[in-house]
């Protein structure tokens, strides 16, 4: 049973890394599930504090991933309309993942631009706000990737530390 949990945990770790870049997969929460599988084995001592802290981080990063593009829009001079446009663009990219990875970049950018144009901003201001949305997306993706890599490192470290206790080794 331990070997199955380790394999499932490893698969979750890989999917979590991919989920850092793919909009349809929440990377850090899936990576956390991989850690959970590892800690459910008989060999690894349960550390519910560690799992609780890493869960809070995973959920926090998942929430920030949706908030950061809107904050980037606002930071680069976007109005409330640009922020709303960015949020609408993020929702559209999740509901219609036709463009895949590029959709999560393009739709918030377009949403911020259209929102600013509705607000009657000039093209330069609208483009600046849309660029802020893009930078927000890149920042969110970077944070998700870093957390997923750290969780993968923790997974490998714990597995390696207790590998002699598993029946396969």
N, C-alpha and C. Protein backbone atom coordinates (compact mmCIF):
# COMPACT_ATOMS: atom_id res chain seq x y z
N UNK A 1 0.82 -1.20 0.00
CA UNK A 1 0.00 0.00 0.00
C UNK A 1 0.86 1.26 0.00
N UNK A 2 2.00 1.20 0.73
CA UNK A 2 2.90 2.34 0.78
C UNK A 2 3.42 2.70 -0.61
N UNK A 3 3.76 1.68 -1.38
CA UNK A 3 4.30 1.93 -2.72
C UNK A 3 3.26 2.62 -3.59
N UNK A 4 2.01 2.20 -3.51
CA UNK A 4 0.93 2.84 -4.27
C UNK A 4 0.79 4.31 -3.87
N UNK A 5 0.84 4.59 -2.57
CA UNK A 5 0.74 5.98 -2.10
C UNK A 5 1.91 6.82 -2.59
N UNK A 6 3.09 6.23 -2.61
CA UNK A 6 4.27 6.97 -3.10
C UNK A 6 4.14 7.25 -4.59
N UNK A 7 3.70 6.27 -5.36
CA UNK A 7 3.52 6.47 -6.80
C UNK A 7 2.46 7.54 -7.06
N UNK A 8 1.33 7.46 -6.34
CA UNK A 8 0.28 8.48 -6.50
C UNK A 8 0.80 9.86 -6.09
N UNK A 9 1.58 9.91 -5.01
CA UNK A 9 2.16 11.18 -4.57
C UNK A 9 3.10 11.76 -5.60
N UNK A 10 3.93 10.90 -6.18
CA UNK A 10 4.87 11.36 -7.22
C UNK A 10 4.11 11.88 -8.44
N UNK A 11 3.06 11.18 -8.84
CA UNK A 11 2.25 11.62 -9.98
C UNK A 11 1.63 12.99 -9.68
N UNK A 12 1.13 13.16 -8.46
CA UNK A 12 0.57 14.46 -8.06
C UNK A 12 1.63 15.56 -8.11
N UNK A 13 2.84 15.23 -7.73
CA UNK A 13 3.93 16.22 -7.77
C UNK A 13 4.20 16.67 -9.21
N UNK A 14 4.25 15.72 -10.12
CA UNK A 14 4.49 16.06 -11.53
C UNK A 14 3.32 16.88 -12.09
N UNK A 15 2.11 16.45 -11.80
CA UNK A 15 0.93 17.20 -12.26
C UNK A 15 0.91 18.58 -11.63
N UNK A 16 1.32 18.69 -10.37
CA UNK A 16 1.39 19.99 -9.71
C UNK A 16 2.37 20.93 -10.39
N UNK A 17 3.52 20.40 -10.80
CA UNK A 17 4.47 21.22 -11.55
C UNK A 17 3.87 21.69 -12.87
N UNK A 18 3.21 20.78 -13.58
CA UNK A 18 2.55 21.16 -14.84
C UNK A 18 1.44 22.17 -14.58
N UNK A 19 0.73 21.99 -13.47
CA UNK A 19 -0.36 22.89 -13.12
C UNK A 19 0.11 24.30 -12.80
N UNK A 20 1.40 24.48 -12.57
CA UNK A 20 1.92 25.82 -12.36
C UNK A 20 1.82 26.65 -13.62
N UNK A 21 1.79 25.99 -14.76
CA UNK A 21 1.75 26.69 -16.04
C UNK A 21 0.42 26.53 -16.78
N UNK A 22 -0.31 25.46 -16.48
CA UNK A 22 -1.57 25.21 -17.18
C UNK A 22 -2.73 25.79 -16.38
N UNK A 23 -3.58 26.57 -17.02
CA UNK A 23 -4.64 27.25 -16.28
C UNK A 23 -5.73 26.33 -15.74
N UNK A 24 -5.86 25.14 -16.27
CA UNK A 24 -6.95 24.26 -15.84
C UNK A 24 -6.58 23.41 -14.62
N UNK A 25 -5.31 23.45 -14.21
CA UNK A 25 -4.86 22.66 -13.06
C UNK A 25 -4.31 23.57 -11.97
N UNK A 26 -4.80 23.42 -10.75
CA UNK A 26 -4.24 24.21 -9.64
C UNK A 26 -2.96 23.56 -9.13
N UNK A 27 -1.81 24.05 -9.57
CA UNK A 27 -0.53 23.41 -9.28
C UNK A 27 -0.22 23.14 -7.82
N UNK A 28 -0.08 24.18 -6.98
CA UNK A 28 0.29 23.93 -5.58
C UNK A 28 -0.70 23.03 -4.80
N UNK A 29 -2.01 23.18 -4.95
CA UNK A 29 -2.89 22.26 -4.23
C UNK A 29 -2.71 20.79 -4.66
N UNK A 30 -2.46 20.55 -5.93
CA UNK A 30 -2.22 19.18 -6.39
C UNK A 30 -0.89 18.67 -5.84
N UNK A 31 0.12 19.54 -5.82
CA UNK A 31 1.40 19.15 -5.22
C UNK A 31 1.22 18.83 -3.74
N UNK A 32 0.37 19.60 -3.06
CA UNK A 32 0.12 19.33 -1.64
C UNK A 32 -0.51 17.95 -1.45
N UNK A 33 -1.40 17.57 -2.35
CA UNK A 33 -2.02 16.24 -2.27
C UNK A 33 -0.92 15.17 -2.38
N UNK A 34 0.09 15.44 -3.21
CA UNK A 34 1.23 14.52 -3.30
C UNK A 34 1.95 14.38 -1.96
N UNK A 35 2.14 15.51 -1.27
CA UNK A 35 2.74 15.45 0.08
C UNK A 35 1.84 14.66 1.03
N UNK A 36 0.55 14.88 0.93
CA UNK A 36 -0.40 14.16 1.79
C UNK A 36 -0.28 12.65 1.57
N UNK A 37 -0.24 12.23 0.31
CA UNK A 37 -0.08 10.79 0.02
C UNK A 37 1.19 10.24 0.67
N UNK A 38 2.28 10.99 0.58
CA UNK A 38 3.53 10.53 1.17
C UNK A 38 3.39 10.39 2.69
N UNK A 39 2.75 11.36 3.31
CA UNK A 39 2.62 11.32 4.77
C UNK A 39 1.58 10.31 5.24
N UNK A 40 0.77 9.79 4.34
CA UNK A 40 -0.19 8.74 4.71
C UNK A 40 0.43 7.35 4.71
N UNK A 41 1.67 7.25 4.25
CA UNK A 41 2.34 5.94 4.28
C UNK A 41 2.66 5.58 5.73
N UNK A 42 2.89 4.31 5.96
CA UNK A 42 3.21 3.84 7.31
C UNK A 42 4.63 4.22 7.72
N UNK A 43 5.50 4.43 6.75
CA UNK A 43 6.91 4.67 7.04
C UNK A 43 7.19 6.12 7.46
N UNK A 44 6.54 7.08 6.82
CA UNK A 44 6.79 8.49 7.12
C UNK A 44 5.98 8.88 8.36
N UNK A 45 6.63 9.43 9.38
CA UNK A 45 5.87 9.86 10.57
C UNK A 45 4.91 10.99 10.22
N UNK A 46 3.70 10.91 10.75
CA UNK A 46 2.71 11.95 10.50
C UNK A 46 3.14 13.26 11.14
N UNK A 47 3.03 14.33 10.37
CA UNK A 47 3.34 15.67 10.86
C UNK A 47 2.20 16.58 10.40
N UNK A 48 1.14 16.60 11.19
CA UNK A 48 -0.06 17.34 10.79
C UNK A 48 0.17 18.84 10.80
N UNK A 49 1.08 19.32 11.61
CA UNK A 49 1.41 20.75 11.60
C UNK A 49 2.03 21.12 10.26
N UNK A 50 2.99 20.33 9.83
CA UNK A 50 3.63 20.55 8.54
C UNK A 50 2.60 20.52 7.41
N UNK A 51 1.75 19.51 7.43
CA UNK A 51 0.73 19.40 6.38
C UNK A 51 -0.26 20.56 6.44
N UNK A 52 -0.60 21.03 7.62
CA UNK A 52 -1.51 22.16 7.77
C UNK A 52 -0.90 23.44 7.22
N UNK A 53 0.36 23.69 7.55
CA UNK A 53 1.03 24.90 7.07
C UNK A 53 1.17 24.86 5.55
N UNK A 54 1.59 23.73 5.01
CA UNK A 54 1.75 23.64 3.56
C UNK A 54 0.41 23.73 2.84
N UNK A 55 -0.67 23.25 3.46
CA UNK A 55 -2.01 23.39 2.87
C UNK A 55 -2.42 24.86 2.83
N UNK A 56 -2.19 25.58 3.91
CA UNK A 56 -2.53 27.01 3.93
C UNK A 56 -1.75 27.76 2.87
N UNK A 57 -0.48 27.44 2.71
CA UNK A 57 0.34 28.08 1.66
C UNK A 57 -0.22 27.76 0.29
N UNK A 58 -0.56 26.50 0.04
CA UNK A 58 -1.09 26.09 -1.28
C UNK A 58 -2.39 26.81 -1.58
N UNK A 59 -3.27 26.90 -0.61
CA UNK A 59 -4.55 27.59 -0.83
C UNK A 59 -4.31 29.09 -1.03
N UNK A 60 -3.42 29.66 -0.22
CA UNK A 60 -3.11 31.08 -0.36
C UNK A 60 -2.55 31.42 -1.73
N UNK A 61 -1.66 30.60 -2.24
CA UNK A 61 -1.08 30.82 -3.57
C UNK A 61 -2.16 30.67 -4.65
N UNK A 62 -3.05 29.70 -4.48
CA UNK A 62 -4.13 29.52 -5.46
C UNK A 62 -5.04 30.75 -5.49
N UNK A 63 -5.32 31.33 -4.34
CA UNK A 63 -6.15 32.54 -4.30
C UNK A 63 -5.39 33.72 -4.89
N UNK A 64 -4.13 33.87 -4.52
CA UNK A 64 -3.32 34.97 -5.06
C UNK A 64 -3.20 34.89 -6.58
N UNK A 65 -3.19 33.68 -7.11
CA UNK A 65 -3.06 33.51 -8.55
C UNK A 65 -4.18 34.22 -9.30
N UNK A 66 -5.34 34.32 -8.69
CA UNK A 66 -6.46 35.01 -9.33
C UNK A 66 -6.47 36.51 -9.01
N UNK A 67 -5.87 36.89 -7.90
CA UNK A 67 -5.89 38.29 -7.48
C UNK A 67 -4.74 39.11 -8.06
N UNK A 68 -3.59 38.50 -8.27
CA UNK A 68 -2.40 39.24 -8.70
C UNK A 68 -2.57 39.93 -10.06
N UNK A 69 -3.16 39.29 -11.08
CA UNK A 69 -3.33 40.03 -12.34
C UNK A 69 -4.18 41.30 -12.18
N UNK A 70 -5.21 41.25 -11.36
CA UNK A 70 -6.02 42.44 -11.13
C UNK A 70 -5.21 43.51 -10.39
N UNK A 71 -4.38 43.08 -9.44
CA UNK A 71 -3.54 44.03 -8.72
C UNK A 71 -2.51 44.65 -9.66
N UNK A 72 -1.98 43.85 -10.60
CA UNK A 72 -1.03 44.38 -11.58
C UNK A 72 -1.67 45.42 -12.47
N UNK A 73 -2.91 45.18 -12.86
CA UNK A 73 -3.64 46.15 -13.67
C UNK A 73 -3.77 47.47 -12.92
N UNK A 74 -4.17 47.38 -11.67
CA UNK A 74 -4.35 48.58 -10.85
C UNK A 74 -3.02 49.31 -10.65
N UNK A 75 -1.96 48.55 -10.40
CA UNK A 75 -0.64 49.14 -10.15
C UNK A 75 -0.12 49.92 -11.36
N UNK A 76 -0.46 49.47 -12.55
CA UNK A 76 0.02 50.13 -13.76
C UNK A 76 -0.95 51.19 -14.27
N UNK A 77 -1.74 51.73 -13.36
CA UNK A 77 -2.59 52.86 -13.71
C UNK A 77 -3.96 52.49 -14.23
N UNK A 78 -4.33 51.26 -14.12
CA UNK A 78 -5.65 50.86 -14.59
C UNK A 78 -6.74 51.34 -13.65
N UNK A 79 -7.90 51.57 -14.21
CA UNK A 79 -9.04 52.00 -13.41
C UNK A 79 -9.78 50.77 -12.88
N UNK A 80 -10.87 51.03 -12.18
CA UNK A 80 -11.72 49.95 -11.69
C UNK A 80 -12.24 49.13 -12.87
N UNK A 81 -12.47 49.78 -14.01
CA UNK A 81 -12.95 49.08 -15.20
C UNK A 81 -11.89 48.11 -15.73
N UNK A 82 -10.63 48.52 -15.66
CA UNK A 82 -9.54 47.64 -16.09
C UNK A 82 -9.40 46.43 -15.18
N UNK A 83 -9.55 46.65 -13.88
CA UNK A 83 -9.47 45.55 -12.92
C UNK A 83 -10.63 44.57 -13.15
N UNK A 84 -11.82 45.12 -13.34
CA UNK A 84 -12.99 44.28 -13.62
C UNK A 84 -12.78 43.52 -14.94
N UNK A 85 -12.24 44.20 -15.94
CA UNK A 85 -11.96 43.55 -17.23
C UNK A 85 -10.97 42.42 -17.08
N UNK A 86 -9.94 42.62 -16.26
CA UNK A 86 -8.95 41.57 -16.02
C UNK A 86 -9.61 40.36 -15.38
N UNK A 87 -10.47 40.62 -14.38
CA UNK A 87 -11.16 39.53 -13.69
C UNK A 87 -12.10 38.79 -14.65
N UNK A 88 -12.82 39.54 -15.46
CA UNK A 88 -13.70 38.91 -16.46
C UNK A 88 -12.87 38.08 -17.43
N UNK A 89 -11.72 38.61 -17.84
CA UNK A 89 -10.83 37.86 -18.74
C UNK A 89 -10.34 36.56 -18.12
N UNK A 90 -10.03 36.60 -16.83
CA UNK A 90 -9.61 35.37 -16.14
C UNK A 90 -10.73 34.35 -16.10
N UNK A 91 -11.95 34.81 -15.82
CA UNK A 91 -13.10 33.90 -15.79
C UNK A 91 -13.35 33.31 -17.18
N UNK A 92 -13.27 34.15 -18.20
CA UNK A 92 -13.47 33.67 -19.58
C UNK A 92 -12.42 32.62 -19.92
N UNK A 93 -11.18 32.84 -19.50
CA UNK A 93 -10.11 31.88 -19.82
C UNK A 93 -10.34 30.54 -19.12
N UNK A 94 -11.02 30.56 -17.98
CA UNK A 94 -11.29 29.30 -17.28
C UNK A 94 -12.52 28.59 -17.85
N UNK A 95 -13.52 29.37 -18.24
CA UNK A 95 -14.75 28.78 -18.78
C UNK A 95 -14.53 28.25 -20.19
N UNK A 96 -13.76 28.99 -20.98
CA UNK A 96 -13.49 28.61 -22.36
C UNK A 96 -11.98 28.43 -22.55
N UNK A 97 -11.44 27.29 -22.13
CA UNK A 97 -9.99 27.10 -22.24
C UNK A 97 -9.54 26.71 -23.65
N UNK A 98 -10.17 27.31 -24.64
CA UNK A 98 -9.88 26.98 -26.04
C UNK A 98 -8.42 27.24 -26.39
N UNK A 99 -7.90 28.35 -25.92
CA UNK A 99 -6.53 28.71 -26.27
C UNK A 99 -5.50 28.08 -25.34
N UNK A 100 -5.96 27.28 -24.40
CA UNK A 100 -5.05 26.60 -23.48
C UNK A 100 -4.23 27.57 -22.67
N UNK A 101 -2.93 27.32 -22.61
CA UNK A 101 -2.01 28.14 -21.82
C UNK A 101 -2.06 29.60 -22.23
N UNK A 102 -2.16 29.86 -23.53
CA UNK A 102 -2.14 31.24 -24.00
C UNK A 102 -3.42 31.99 -23.63
N UNK A 103 -4.51 31.25 -23.43
CA UNK A 103 -5.77 31.89 -23.06
C UNK A 103 -5.68 32.59 -21.72
N UNK A 104 -4.96 32.00 -20.78
CA UNK A 104 -4.84 32.61 -19.45
C UNK A 104 -3.98 33.87 -19.51
N UNK A 105 -3.19 34.03 -20.54
CA UNK A 105 -2.41 35.25 -20.74
C UNK A 105 -3.22 36.27 -21.55
N UNK A 106 -3.82 35.80 -22.62
CA UNK A 106 -4.49 36.71 -23.57
C UNK A 106 -5.78 37.30 -23.00
N UNK A 107 -6.65 36.48 -22.42
CA UNK A 107 -7.96 36.98 -21.99
C UNK A 107 -7.88 38.05 -20.91
N UNK A 108 -7.06 37.89 -19.86
CA UNK A 108 -6.96 38.99 -18.89
C UNK A 108 -6.39 40.26 -19.52
N UNK A 109 -5.43 40.09 -20.43
CA UNK A 109 -4.85 41.23 -21.14
C UNK A 109 -5.94 41.94 -21.94
N UNK A 110 -6.71 41.18 -22.71
CA UNK A 110 -7.80 41.77 -23.50
C UNK A 110 -8.86 42.39 -22.59
N UNK A 111 -9.18 41.68 -21.50
CA UNK A 111 -10.17 42.21 -20.57
C UNK A 111 -9.77 43.54 -19.98
N UNK A 112 -8.51 43.66 -19.57
CA UNK A 112 -8.02 44.93 -19.02
C UNK A 112 -8.06 46.02 -20.09
N UNK A 113 -7.65 45.69 -21.29
CA UNK A 113 -7.63 46.67 -22.39
C UNK A 113 -9.06 47.14 -22.70
N UNK A 114 -9.99 46.20 -22.84
CA UNK A 114 -11.39 46.56 -23.15
C UNK A 114 -12.00 47.36 -21.99
N UNK A 115 -11.73 46.94 -20.76
CA UNK A 115 -12.24 47.67 -19.60
C UNK A 115 -11.78 49.11 -19.59
N UNK A 116 -10.51 49.33 -19.90
CA UNK A 116 -9.99 50.69 -19.95
C UNK A 116 -10.57 51.49 -21.12
N UNK A 117 -10.79 50.82 -22.22
CA UNK A 117 -11.38 51.52 -23.37
C UNK A 117 -12.84 51.91 -23.06
N UNK A 118 -13.55 51.05 -22.32
CA UNK A 118 -14.92 51.39 -21.90
C UNK A 118 -14.89 52.59 -20.96
N UNK A 119 -13.87 52.64 -20.12
CA UNK A 119 -13.69 53.75 -19.19
C UNK A 119 -13.30 55.03 -19.93
N UNK A 120 -13.08 54.91 -21.21
CA UNK A 120 -12.69 56.01 -22.09
C UNK A 120 -11.24 56.45 -21.89
N UNK A 121 -10.41 55.51 -21.54
CA UNK A 121 -8.98 55.79 -21.45
C UNK A 121 -8.41 55.79 -22.87
N UNK A 122 -7.29 56.46 -23.03
CA UNK A 122 -6.66 56.42 -24.34
C UNK A 122 -5.96 55.08 -24.54
N UNK A 123 -5.55 54.81 -25.75
CA UNK A 123 -4.93 53.51 -26.06
C UNK A 123 -3.67 53.27 -25.24
N UNK A 124 -2.91 54.33 -24.99
CA UNK A 124 -1.67 54.19 -24.24
C UNK A 124 -1.95 53.75 -22.80
N UNK A 125 -2.91 54.37 -22.15
CA UNK A 125 -3.27 54.01 -20.78
C UNK A 125 -3.84 52.59 -20.73
N UNK A 126 -4.69 52.28 -21.70
CA UNK A 126 -5.30 50.95 -21.76
C UNK A 126 -4.23 49.88 -21.96
N UNK A 127 -3.26 50.14 -22.82
CA UNK A 127 -2.19 49.17 -23.07
C UNK A 127 -1.31 49.00 -21.84
N UNK A 128 -1.07 50.10 -21.12
CA UNK A 128 -0.26 50.03 -19.90
C UNK A 128 -0.96 49.17 -18.84
N UNK A 129 -2.26 49.36 -18.69
CA UNK A 129 -3.03 48.56 -17.72
C UNK A 129 -3.03 47.09 -18.13
N UNK A 130 -3.17 46.82 -19.43
CA UNK A 130 -3.16 45.45 -19.92
C UNK A 130 -1.79 44.80 -19.68
N UNK A 131 -0.74 45.59 -19.84
CA UNK A 131 0.60 45.09 -19.57
C UNK A 131 0.75 44.74 -18.09
N UNK A 132 0.16 45.54 -17.22
CA UNK A 132 0.16 45.25 -15.78
C UNK A 132 -0.52 43.93 -15.50
N UNK A 133 -1.60 43.66 -16.21
CA UNK A 133 -2.30 42.38 -16.07
C UNK A 133 -1.38 41.23 -16.48
N UNK A 134 -0.66 41.40 -17.57
CA UNK A 134 0.28 40.37 -18.05
C UNK A 134 1.38 40.14 -17.01
N UNK A 135 1.95 41.21 -16.47
CA UNK A 135 2.98 41.05 -15.45
C UNK A 135 2.43 40.36 -14.21
N UNK A 136 1.18 40.67 -13.86
CA UNK A 136 0.54 39.99 -12.74
C UNK A 136 0.41 38.50 -12.99
N UNK A 137 0.06 38.15 -14.21
CA UNK A 137 -0.04 36.72 -14.56
C UNK A 137 1.32 36.04 -14.43
N UNK A 138 2.35 36.67 -14.96
CA UNK A 138 3.70 36.09 -14.90
C UNK A 138 4.13 35.93 -13.44
N UNK A 139 3.83 36.90 -12.60
CA UNK A 139 4.18 36.83 -11.18
C UNK A 139 3.45 35.67 -10.51
N UNK A 140 2.15 35.54 -10.78
CA UNK A 140 1.37 34.44 -10.21
C UNK A 140 1.90 33.09 -10.64
N UNK A 141 2.23 32.95 -11.91
CA UNK A 141 2.77 31.69 -12.43
C UNK A 141 4.11 31.36 -11.77
N UNK A 142 4.95 32.37 -11.61
CA UNK A 142 6.25 32.17 -10.96
C UNK A 142 6.06 31.70 -9.53
N UNK A 143 5.14 32.32 -8.79
CA UNK A 143 4.88 31.91 -7.40
C UNK A 143 4.38 30.47 -7.33
N UNK A 144 3.44 30.11 -8.22
CA UNK A 144 2.93 28.74 -8.24
C UNK A 144 4.05 27.75 -8.53
N UNK A 145 4.91 28.09 -9.48
CA UNK A 145 6.00 27.20 -9.85
C UNK A 145 6.97 27.02 -8.68
N UNK A 146 7.33 28.11 -8.03
CA UNK A 146 8.27 28.03 -6.90
C UNK A 146 7.70 27.15 -5.79
N UNK A 147 6.43 27.36 -5.44
CA UNK A 147 5.81 26.56 -4.38
C UNK A 147 5.77 25.09 -4.78
N UNK A 148 5.40 24.80 -6.03
CA UNK A 148 5.34 23.41 -6.48
C UNK A 148 6.72 22.76 -6.48
N UNK A 149 7.75 23.50 -6.85
CA UNK A 149 9.12 22.97 -6.83
C UNK A 149 9.56 22.69 -5.39
N UNK A 150 9.24 23.61 -4.49
CA UNK A 150 9.59 23.41 -3.08
C UNK A 150 8.88 22.17 -2.53
N UNK A 151 7.59 22.03 -2.85
CA UNK A 151 6.85 20.85 -2.38
C UNK A 151 7.44 19.57 -2.97
N UNK A 152 7.85 19.61 -4.22
CA UNK A 152 8.48 18.45 -4.84
C UNK A 152 9.80 18.12 -4.12
N UNK A 153 10.58 19.16 -3.81
CA UNK A 153 11.82 18.96 -3.07
C UNK A 153 11.57 18.36 -1.70
N UNK A 154 10.54 18.83 -1.02
CA UNK A 154 10.18 18.26 0.29
C UNK A 154 9.76 16.80 0.16
N UNK A 155 9.02 16.50 -0.89
CA UNK A 155 8.59 15.13 -1.16
C UNK A 155 9.80 14.22 -1.33
N UNK A 156 10.73 14.63 -2.21
CA UNK A 156 11.92 13.83 -2.48
C UNK A 156 12.77 13.69 -1.21
N UNK A 157 12.93 14.78 -0.46
CA UNK A 157 13.72 14.75 0.76
C UNK A 157 13.15 13.76 1.78
N UNK A 158 11.86 13.83 2.02
CA UNK A 158 11.24 12.93 2.99
C UNK A 158 11.29 11.48 2.51
N UNK A 159 11.01 11.28 1.24
CA UNK A 159 11.09 9.93 0.70
C UNK A 159 12.50 9.38 0.87
N UNK A 160 13.50 10.16 0.50
CA UNK A 160 14.89 9.71 0.56
C UNK A 160 15.32 9.42 1.99
N UNK A 161 14.85 10.26 2.92
CA UNK A 161 15.22 10.09 4.32
C UNK A 161 14.71 8.75 4.88
N UNK A 162 13.53 8.34 4.44
CA UNK A 162 12.91 7.13 5.00
C UNK A 162 12.84 5.97 4.01
N UNK A 163 13.58 6.04 2.91
CA UNK A 163 13.47 5.02 1.86
C UNK A 163 13.76 3.61 2.36
N UNK A 164 14.63 3.48 3.35
CA UNK A 164 14.95 2.14 3.86
C UNK A 164 13.77 1.49 4.55
N UNK A 165 12.80 2.29 5.00
CA UNK A 165 11.64 1.75 5.68
C UNK A 165 10.57 1.20 4.76
N UNK A 166 10.67 1.49 3.48
CA UNK A 166 9.68 1.00 2.53
C UNK A 166 10.03 -0.42 2.11
N UNK A 167 9.01 -1.21 1.90
CA UNK A 167 9.22 -2.63 1.62
C UNK A 167 9.92 -2.87 0.28
N UNK A 168 9.83 -1.95 -0.66
CA UNK A 168 10.46 -2.14 -1.97
C UNK A 168 11.97 -1.99 -1.87
N UNK A 169 12.45 -1.23 -0.91
CA UNK A 169 13.89 -0.98 -0.79
C UNK A 169 14.46 -1.87 0.25
